[in-house]
């Protein structure tokens, strides 16, 4: 499940049936990701509120509401580990660079999905963007 990259950077190749492609994901990110979903206090401390993003079914909202949408700490619903099956969901990490990773989870039949973006600020990872379930392009 884990391996070291040959470029000298410490990274992991995380494979799972739900993942669309193998992704080179930094080991420290995967450690953060696991703890983020297991420890509610840790999760809240690693979200930059007010958090940019979009609520569920945002296309039904006025455009100005979508453009200015922010998640607030007092309204946050804790995120738990994703437990979908590989026939119904596609899950993918996209490593933009060493400090930015996007995660997509898409229900394959209807095409609805969510996106989260995580950024490493200093030496700590944070959730910096969350789009709840919406029709994916």
N, C-alpha and C. Protein backbone atom coordinates (compact mmCIF):
# COMPACT_ATOMS: atom_id res chain seq x y z
N UNK A 1 0.81 -1.19 0.00
CA UNK A 1 0.00 0.00 0.00
C UNK A 1 0.85 1.26 0.00
N UNK A 2 1.98 1.25 0.66
CA UNK A 2 2.86 2.42 0.72
C UNK A 2 4.19 2.09 0.08
N UNK A 3 4.79 3.07 -0.59
CA UNK A 3 6.14 2.90 -1.12
C UNK A 3 6.83 4.24 -1.14
N UNK A 4 8.14 4.23 -1.23
CA UNK A 4 8.90 5.47 -1.27
C UNK A 4 9.20 5.84 -2.71
N UNK A 5 9.15 7.11 -3.01
CA UNK A 5 9.47 7.59 -4.35
C UNK A 5 10.97 7.59 -4.56
N UNK A 6 11.38 7.49 -5.81
CA UNK A 6 12.80 7.44 -6.11
C UNK A 6 13.44 8.81 -6.20
N UNK A 7 12.66 9.89 -6.15
CA UNK A 7 13.22 11.23 -6.31
C UNK A 7 13.76 11.81 -5.01
N UNK A 8 13.79 11.03 -3.96
CA UNK A 8 14.33 11.51 -2.69
C UNK A 8 13.30 12.15 -1.80
N UNK A 9 12.19 12.58 -2.35
CA UNK A 9 11.11 13.14 -1.54
C UNK A 9 10.37 11.99 -0.89
N UNK A 10 9.96 12.17 0.33
CA UNK A 10 9.20 11.14 1.00
C UNK A 10 7.76 11.25 0.52
N UNK A 11 7.28 10.22 -0.17
CA UNK A 11 5.92 10.22 -0.65
C UNK A 11 5.37 8.81 -0.58
N UNK A 12 4.07 8.71 -0.81
CA UNK A 12 3.41 7.41 -0.74
C UNK A 12 2.62 7.19 -2.01
N UNK A 13 2.57 5.95 -2.44
CA UNK A 13 1.65 5.59 -3.50
C UNK A 13 0.50 4.89 -2.80
N UNK A 14 -0.63 5.55 -2.77
CA UNK A 14 -1.79 5.03 -2.06
C UNK A 14 -2.73 4.42 -3.08
N UNK A 15 -2.99 3.15 -2.96
CA UNK A 15 -3.90 2.51 -3.88
C UNK A 15 -5.07 1.94 -3.11
N UNK A 16 -6.22 2.01 -3.72
CA UNK A 16 -7.45 1.54 -3.12
C UNK A 16 -8.43 1.34 -4.26
N UNK A 17 -9.29 0.36 -4.20
CA UNK A 17 -10.22 0.12 -5.29
C UNK A 17 -11.06 1.35 -5.63
N UNK A 18 -11.35 2.17 -4.64
CA UNK A 18 -12.19 3.34 -4.88
C UNK A 18 -11.42 4.43 -5.63
N UNK A 19 -10.10 4.44 -5.55
CA UNK A 19 -9.30 5.46 -6.21
C UNK A 19 -9.29 5.19 -7.71
N UNK A 20 -9.48 6.25 -8.51
CA UNK A 20 -9.48 6.13 -9.96
C UNK A 20 -8.09 5.79 -10.47
N UNK A 21 -7.08 6.47 -9.97
CA UNK A 21 -5.71 6.26 -10.42
C UNK A 21 -4.80 6.22 -9.20
N UNK A 22 -3.64 5.61 -9.37
CA UNK A 22 -2.65 5.70 -8.30
C UNK A 22 -2.21 7.14 -8.21
N UNK A 23 -2.05 7.63 -7.03
CA UNK A 23 -1.63 9.02 -6.84
C UNK A 23 -0.42 9.04 -5.93
N UNK A 24 0.55 9.84 -6.28
CA UNK A 24 1.69 10.03 -5.39
C UNK A 24 1.30 11.09 -4.38
N UNK A 25 1.04 10.65 -3.19
CA UNK A 25 0.57 11.52 -2.12
C UNK A 25 1.63 11.52 -1.03
N UNK A 26 2.05 12.70 -0.57
CA UNK A 26 3.06 12.74 0.50
C UNK A 26 2.62 11.96 1.74
N UNK A 27 3.56 11.26 2.33
CA UNK A 27 3.28 10.46 3.53
C UNK A 27 2.71 11.33 4.64
N UNK A 28 3.27 12.53 4.84
CA UNK A 28 2.77 13.38 5.92
C UNK A 28 1.32 13.80 5.67
N UNK A 29 0.93 13.92 4.39
CA UNK A 29 -0.46 14.24 4.09
C UNK A 29 -1.37 13.07 4.49
N UNK A 30 -0.99 11.86 4.15
CA UNK A 30 -1.83 10.70 4.49
C UNK A 30 -1.95 10.54 6.00
N UNK A 31 -0.89 10.83 6.74
CA UNK A 31 -0.97 10.79 8.20
C UNK A 31 -1.97 11.84 8.70
N UNK A 32 -1.87 13.05 8.15
CA UNK A 32 -2.82 14.12 8.48
C UNK A 32 -4.25 13.69 8.12
N UNK A 33 -4.42 13.17 6.92
CA UNK A 33 -5.74 12.80 6.40
C UNK A 33 -6.42 11.78 7.31
N UNK A 34 -5.68 10.79 7.75
CA UNK A 34 -6.24 9.77 8.65
C UNK A 34 -6.66 10.41 9.98
N UNK A 35 -5.79 11.22 10.57
CA UNK A 35 -6.10 11.85 11.86
C UNK A 35 -7.25 12.85 11.71
N UNK A 36 -7.31 13.56 10.58
CA UNK A 36 -8.36 14.54 10.30
C UNK A 36 -9.74 13.89 10.43
N UNK A 37 -9.87 12.64 10.00
CA UNK A 37 -11.17 11.96 10.02
C UNK A 37 -11.43 11.19 11.31
N UNK A 38 -10.44 11.07 12.18
CA UNK A 38 -10.60 10.31 13.41
C UNK A 38 -10.73 11.16 14.66
N UNK A 39 -10.26 12.40 14.60
CA UNK A 39 -10.19 13.25 15.78
C UNK A 39 -10.90 14.57 15.49
N UNK A 40 -12.06 14.77 16.09
CA UNK A 40 -12.89 15.94 15.79
C UNK A 40 -12.20 17.26 16.17
N UNK A 41 -11.51 17.30 17.29
CA UNK A 41 -10.80 18.51 17.68
C UNK A 41 -9.69 18.83 16.69
N UNK A 42 -8.95 17.82 16.31
CA UNK A 42 -7.88 17.98 15.32
C UNK A 42 -8.47 18.51 14.00
N UNK A 43 -9.60 17.94 13.59
CA UNK A 43 -10.25 18.39 12.36
C UNK A 43 -10.57 19.87 12.43
N UNK A 44 -11.20 20.30 13.49
CA UNK A 44 -11.59 21.71 13.63
C UNK A 44 -10.37 22.64 13.66
N UNK A 45 -9.29 22.17 14.24
CA UNK A 45 -8.06 22.97 14.31
C UNK A 45 -7.34 23.07 12.96
N UNK A 46 -7.71 22.20 12.03
CA UNK A 46 -7.03 22.15 10.74
C UNK A 46 -7.95 22.55 9.58
N UNK A 47 -8.90 23.41 9.89
CA UNK A 47 -9.76 24.00 8.87
C UNK A 47 -9.63 25.51 8.99
N UNK A 48 -9.43 26.17 7.87
CA UNK A 48 -9.30 27.62 7.89
C UNK A 48 -10.68 28.26 7.73
N UNK A 49 -11.32 28.53 8.87
CA UNK A 49 -12.62 29.20 8.87
C UNK A 49 -12.44 30.70 8.83
N UNK A 50 -13.32 31.44 8.18
CA UNK A 50 -14.40 30.93 7.34
C UNK A 50 -13.80 30.25 6.10
N UNK A 51 -14.34 29.08 5.78
CA UNK A 51 -13.81 28.21 4.74
C UNK A 51 -14.50 28.48 3.42
N UNK A 52 -13.73 28.75 2.39
CA UNK A 52 -14.29 28.94 1.05
C UNK A 52 -14.86 27.63 0.54
N UNK A 53 -15.88 27.75 -0.32
CA UNK A 53 -16.44 26.57 -0.94
C UNK A 53 -17.84 26.80 -1.46
N UNK A 54 -18.58 25.70 -1.59
CA UNK A 54 -19.95 25.76 -2.07
C UNK A 54 -20.80 24.76 -1.29
N UNK A 55 -22.03 25.14 -1.00
CA UNK A 55 -22.93 24.21 -0.32
C UNK A 55 -23.48 23.17 -1.30
N UNK A 56 -24.18 22.21 -0.78
CA UNK A 56 -24.83 21.20 -1.60
C UNK A 56 -25.84 21.85 -2.53
N UNK A 57 -25.91 21.35 -3.75
CA UNK A 57 -26.86 21.82 -4.77
C UNK A 57 -26.76 23.32 -5.01
N UNK A 58 -25.54 23.81 -5.11
CA UNK A 58 -25.29 25.25 -5.26
C UNK A 58 -25.86 25.82 -6.56
N UNK A 59 -26.02 24.99 -7.58
CA UNK A 59 -26.54 25.50 -8.85
C UNK A 59 -27.97 26.02 -8.72
N UNK A 60 -28.65 25.63 -7.66
CA UNK A 60 -30.01 26.10 -7.43
C UNK A 60 -30.03 27.42 -6.67
N UNK A 61 -28.87 27.93 -6.29
CA UNK A 61 -28.77 29.18 -5.53
C UNK A 61 -28.47 30.35 -6.46
N UNK A 62 -28.78 31.58 -6.04
CA UNK A 62 -28.37 32.75 -6.83
C UNK A 62 -26.85 32.81 -6.95
N UNK A 63 -26.35 33.24 -8.11
CA UNK A 63 -24.91 33.26 -8.38
C UNK A 63 -24.12 34.04 -7.33
N UNK A 64 -24.63 35.19 -6.87
CA UNK A 64 -23.88 35.97 -5.89
C UNK A 64 -23.76 35.24 -4.56
N UNK A 65 -24.73 34.39 -4.22
CA UNK A 65 -24.65 33.58 -3.00
C UNK A 65 -23.56 32.52 -3.12
N UNK A 66 -23.42 31.95 -4.31
CA UNK A 66 -22.40 30.94 -4.55
C UNK A 66 -21.01 31.56 -4.47
N UNK A 67 -20.84 32.70 -5.13
CA UNK A 67 -19.53 33.35 -5.19
C UNK A 67 -19.01 33.77 -3.83
N UNK A 68 -19.90 34.07 -2.90
CA UNK A 68 -19.49 34.57 -1.59
C UNK A 68 -19.69 33.56 -0.47
N UNK A 69 -19.93 32.30 -0.82
CA UNK A 69 -20.25 31.31 0.20
C UNK A 69 -19.03 30.98 1.06
N UNK A 70 -19.26 30.90 2.36
CA UNK A 70 -18.23 30.51 3.33
C UNK A 70 -18.84 29.54 4.34
N UNK A 71 -18.12 28.49 4.67
CA UNK A 71 -18.49 27.59 5.75
C UNK A 71 -17.99 28.20 7.06
N UNK A 72 -18.83 28.17 8.07
CA UNK A 72 -18.47 28.72 9.38
C UNK A 72 -18.29 27.57 10.38
N UNK A 73 -17.44 27.75 11.36
CA UNK A 73 -17.15 26.71 12.34
C UNK A 73 -18.41 26.24 13.06
N UNK A 74 -19.27 27.17 13.43
CA UNK A 74 -20.47 26.79 14.19
C UNK A 74 -21.47 25.96 13.38
N UNK A 75 -21.35 25.97 12.06
CA UNK A 75 -22.26 25.20 11.21
C UNK A 75 -21.61 23.95 10.62
N UNK A 76 -20.36 23.72 10.95
CA UNK A 76 -19.60 22.63 10.34
C UNK A 76 -20.10 21.28 10.81
N UNK A 77 -20.29 20.36 9.87
CA UNK A 77 -20.61 18.97 10.17
C UNK A 77 -19.31 18.19 9.98
N UNK A 78 -18.90 17.51 11.04
CA UNK A 78 -17.63 16.79 11.01
C UNK A 78 -17.59 15.79 9.86
N UNK A 79 -16.45 15.71 9.22
CA UNK A 79 -16.25 14.78 8.13
C UNK A 79 -15.70 13.48 8.68
N UNK A 80 -16.33 12.39 8.30
CA UNK A 80 -15.91 11.05 8.71
C UNK A 80 -15.23 10.37 7.52
N UNK A 81 -14.54 9.26 7.75
CA UNK A 81 -13.91 8.55 6.62
C UNK A 81 -14.95 8.14 5.59
N UNK A 82 -14.59 8.26 4.32
CA UNK A 82 -15.49 7.88 3.23
C UNK A 82 -15.55 6.37 3.12
N UNK A 83 -16.77 5.82 3.07
CA UNK A 83 -16.93 4.36 3.06
C UNK A 83 -17.77 3.88 1.87
N UNK A 84 -17.65 4.51 0.70
CA UNK A 84 -18.40 4.08 -0.48
C UNK A 84 -17.74 2.88 -1.13
N UNK A 85 -18.50 2.21 -2.01
CA UNK A 85 -17.89 1.07 -2.70
C UNK A 85 -17.39 1.49 -4.08
N UNK A 86 -16.46 0.71 -4.62
CA UNK A 86 -15.77 1.07 -5.85
C UNK A 86 -16.64 1.00 -7.10
N UNK A 87 -17.81 0.39 -7.02
CA UNK A 87 -18.70 0.33 -8.17
C UNK A 87 -19.60 1.56 -8.25
N UNK A 88 -19.78 2.24 -7.15
CA UNK A 88 -20.67 3.40 -7.11
C UNK A 88 -19.94 4.73 -7.04
N UNK A 89 -18.69 4.73 -6.58
CA UNK A 89 -17.96 5.98 -6.35
C UNK A 89 -16.56 5.93 -6.94
N UNK A 90 -16.13 7.08 -7.39
CA UNK A 90 -14.77 7.29 -7.84
C UNK A 90 -14.14 8.26 -6.85
N UNK A 91 -12.98 7.91 -6.32
CA UNK A 91 -12.28 8.78 -5.39
C UNK A 91 -10.88 8.99 -5.93
N UNK A 92 -10.46 10.26 -5.94
CA UNK A 92 -9.16 10.57 -6.51
C UNK A 92 -8.50 11.72 -5.76
N UNK A 93 -7.21 11.57 -5.49
CA UNK A 93 -6.39 12.67 -5.01
C UNK A 93 -5.62 13.20 -6.21
N UNK A 94 -5.58 14.52 -6.35
CA UNK A 94 -4.75 15.15 -7.37
C UNK A 94 -3.72 16.00 -6.64
N UNK A 95 -2.46 15.61 -6.78
CA UNK A 95 -1.38 16.34 -6.15
C UNK A 95 -1.01 17.48 -7.09
N UNK A 96 -1.37 18.70 -6.72
CA UNK A 96 -1.07 19.87 -7.53
C UNK A 96 0.41 20.22 -7.38
N UNK A 97 0.88 20.24 -6.17
CA UNK A 97 2.31 20.38 -5.86
C UNK A 97 2.53 19.86 -4.45
N UNK A 98 3.73 20.03 -3.92
CA UNK A 98 4.05 19.49 -2.60
C UNK A 98 3.18 20.06 -1.48
N UNK A 99 2.55 21.20 -1.73
CA UNK A 99 1.78 21.88 -0.69
C UNK A 99 0.31 22.03 -1.01
N UNK A 100 -0.19 21.39 -2.06
CA UNK A 100 -1.60 21.53 -2.44
C UNK A 100 -2.11 20.23 -3.03
N UNK A 101 -3.18 19.70 -2.42
CA UNK A 101 -3.79 18.45 -2.88
C UNK A 101 -5.29 18.64 -2.95
N UNK A 102 -5.89 18.24 -4.08
CA UNK A 102 -7.34 18.24 -4.23
C UNK A 102 -7.84 16.80 -4.14
N UNK A 103 -8.97 16.64 -3.51
CA UNK A 103 -9.61 15.33 -3.38
C UNK A 103 -10.99 15.43 -4.02
N UNK A 104 -11.33 14.45 -4.83
CA UNK A 104 -12.64 14.38 -5.47
C UNK A 104 -13.28 13.04 -5.13
N UNK A 105 -14.56 13.07 -4.77
CA UNK A 105 -15.35 11.86 -4.59
C UNK A 105 -16.61 12.07 -5.42
N UNK A 106 -16.82 11.18 -6.40
CA UNK A 106 -17.92 11.35 -7.34
C UNK A 106 -18.75 10.06 -7.37
N UNK A 107 -20.05 10.23 -7.26
CA UNK A 107 -21.00 9.13 -7.44
C UNK A 107 -21.09 8.92 -8.94
N UNK A 108 -20.73 7.74 -9.42
CA UNK A 108 -20.54 7.53 -10.85
C UNK A 108 -21.81 7.49 -11.68
N UNK A 109 -22.92 7.04 -11.14
CA UNK A 109 -24.13 6.91 -11.95
C UNK A 109 -24.77 8.26 -12.27
N UNK A 110 -24.93 9.12 -11.30
CA UNK A 110 -25.60 10.40 -11.50
C UNK A 110 -24.61 11.56 -11.69
N UNK A 111 -23.35 11.36 -11.34
CA UNK A 111 -22.34 12.38 -11.56
C UNK A 111 -22.29 13.47 -10.51
N UNK A 112 -22.83 13.21 -9.32
CA UNK A 112 -22.74 14.18 -8.23
C UNK A 112 -21.49 13.88 -7.42
N UNK A 113 -20.84 14.95 -6.97
CA UNK A 113 -19.62 14.72 -6.22
C UNK A 113 -19.26 15.90 -5.34
N UNK A 114 -18.17 15.73 -4.63
CA UNK A 114 -17.65 16.76 -3.73
C UNK A 114 -16.17 16.93 -3.99
N UNK A 115 -15.67 18.10 -3.60
CA UNK A 115 -14.25 18.38 -3.72
C UNK A 115 -13.76 19.02 -2.44
N UNK A 116 -12.58 18.59 -2.02
CA UNK A 116 -11.89 19.24 -0.90
C UNK A 116 -10.48 19.57 -1.35
N UNK A 117 -9.99 20.72 -0.89
CA UNK A 117 -8.61 21.10 -1.17
C UNK A 117 -7.89 21.27 0.15
N UNK A 118 -6.71 20.69 0.19
CA UNK A 118 -5.87 20.75 1.38
C UNK A 118 -4.56 21.44 1.01
N UNK A 119 -4.07 22.28 1.91
CA UNK A 119 -2.82 22.98 1.67
C UNK A 119 -1.91 22.84 2.89
N UNK A 120 -0.63 22.72 2.60
CA UNK A 120 0.35 22.68 3.67
C UNK A 120 0.84 24.10 3.89
N UNK A 121 0.54 24.63 5.06
CA UNK A 121 0.92 25.98 5.43
C UNK A 121 1.92 25.86 6.57
N UNK A 122 3.14 26.31 6.32
CA UNK A 122 4.20 26.05 7.28
C UNK A 122 4.50 24.57 7.23
N UNK A 123 4.38 23.90 8.35
CA UNK A 123 4.60 22.44 8.36
C UNK A 123 3.34 21.67 8.71
N UNK A 124 2.16 22.31 8.57
CA UNK A 124 0.89 21.66 8.92
C UNK A 124 -0.08 21.71 7.74
N UNK A 125 -0.85 20.63 7.57
CA UNK A 125 -1.88 20.57 6.54
C UNK A 125 -3.19 21.14 7.06
N UNK A 126 -3.92 21.81 6.16
CA UNK A 126 -5.23 22.40 6.48
C UNK A 126 -6.20 22.15 5.34
N UNK A 127 -7.47 22.03 5.70
CA UNK A 127 -8.53 22.06 4.71
C UNK A 127 -8.76 23.53 4.37
N UNK A 128 -8.65 23.88 3.08
CA UNK A 128 -8.77 25.29 2.69
C UNK A 128 -9.96 25.55 1.77
N UNK A 129 -10.64 24.47 1.31
CA UNK A 129 -11.78 24.62 0.40
C UNK A 129 -12.64 23.37 0.49
N UNK A 130 -13.97 23.55 0.50
CA UNK A 130 -14.87 22.40 0.51
C UNK A 130 -16.11 22.70 -0.33
N UNK A 131 -16.30 21.90 -1.37
CA UNK A 131 -17.52 21.94 -2.16
C UNK A 131 -18.32 20.70 -1.82
N UNK A 132 -19.50 20.90 -1.23
CA UNK A 132 -20.39 19.80 -0.88
C UNK A 132 -20.96 19.20 -2.17
N UNK A 133 -21.82 18.19 -2.04
CA UNK A 133 -22.36 17.46 -3.19
C UNK A 133 -23.02 18.38 -4.21
N UNK A 134 -22.50 18.33 -5.43
CA UNK A 134 -23.02 19.09 -6.56
C UNK A 134 -22.81 18.27 -7.83
N UNK A 135 -23.51 18.62 -8.88
CA UNK A 135 -23.31 17.98 -10.18
C UNK A 135 -21.91 18.33 -10.65
N UNK A 136 -21.14 17.29 -11.01
CA UNK A 136 -19.75 17.50 -11.47
C UNK A 136 -19.73 17.54 -12.98
N UNK A 137 -18.86 18.37 -13.52
CA UNK A 137 -18.70 18.48 -14.99
C UNK A 137 -17.88 17.33 -15.50
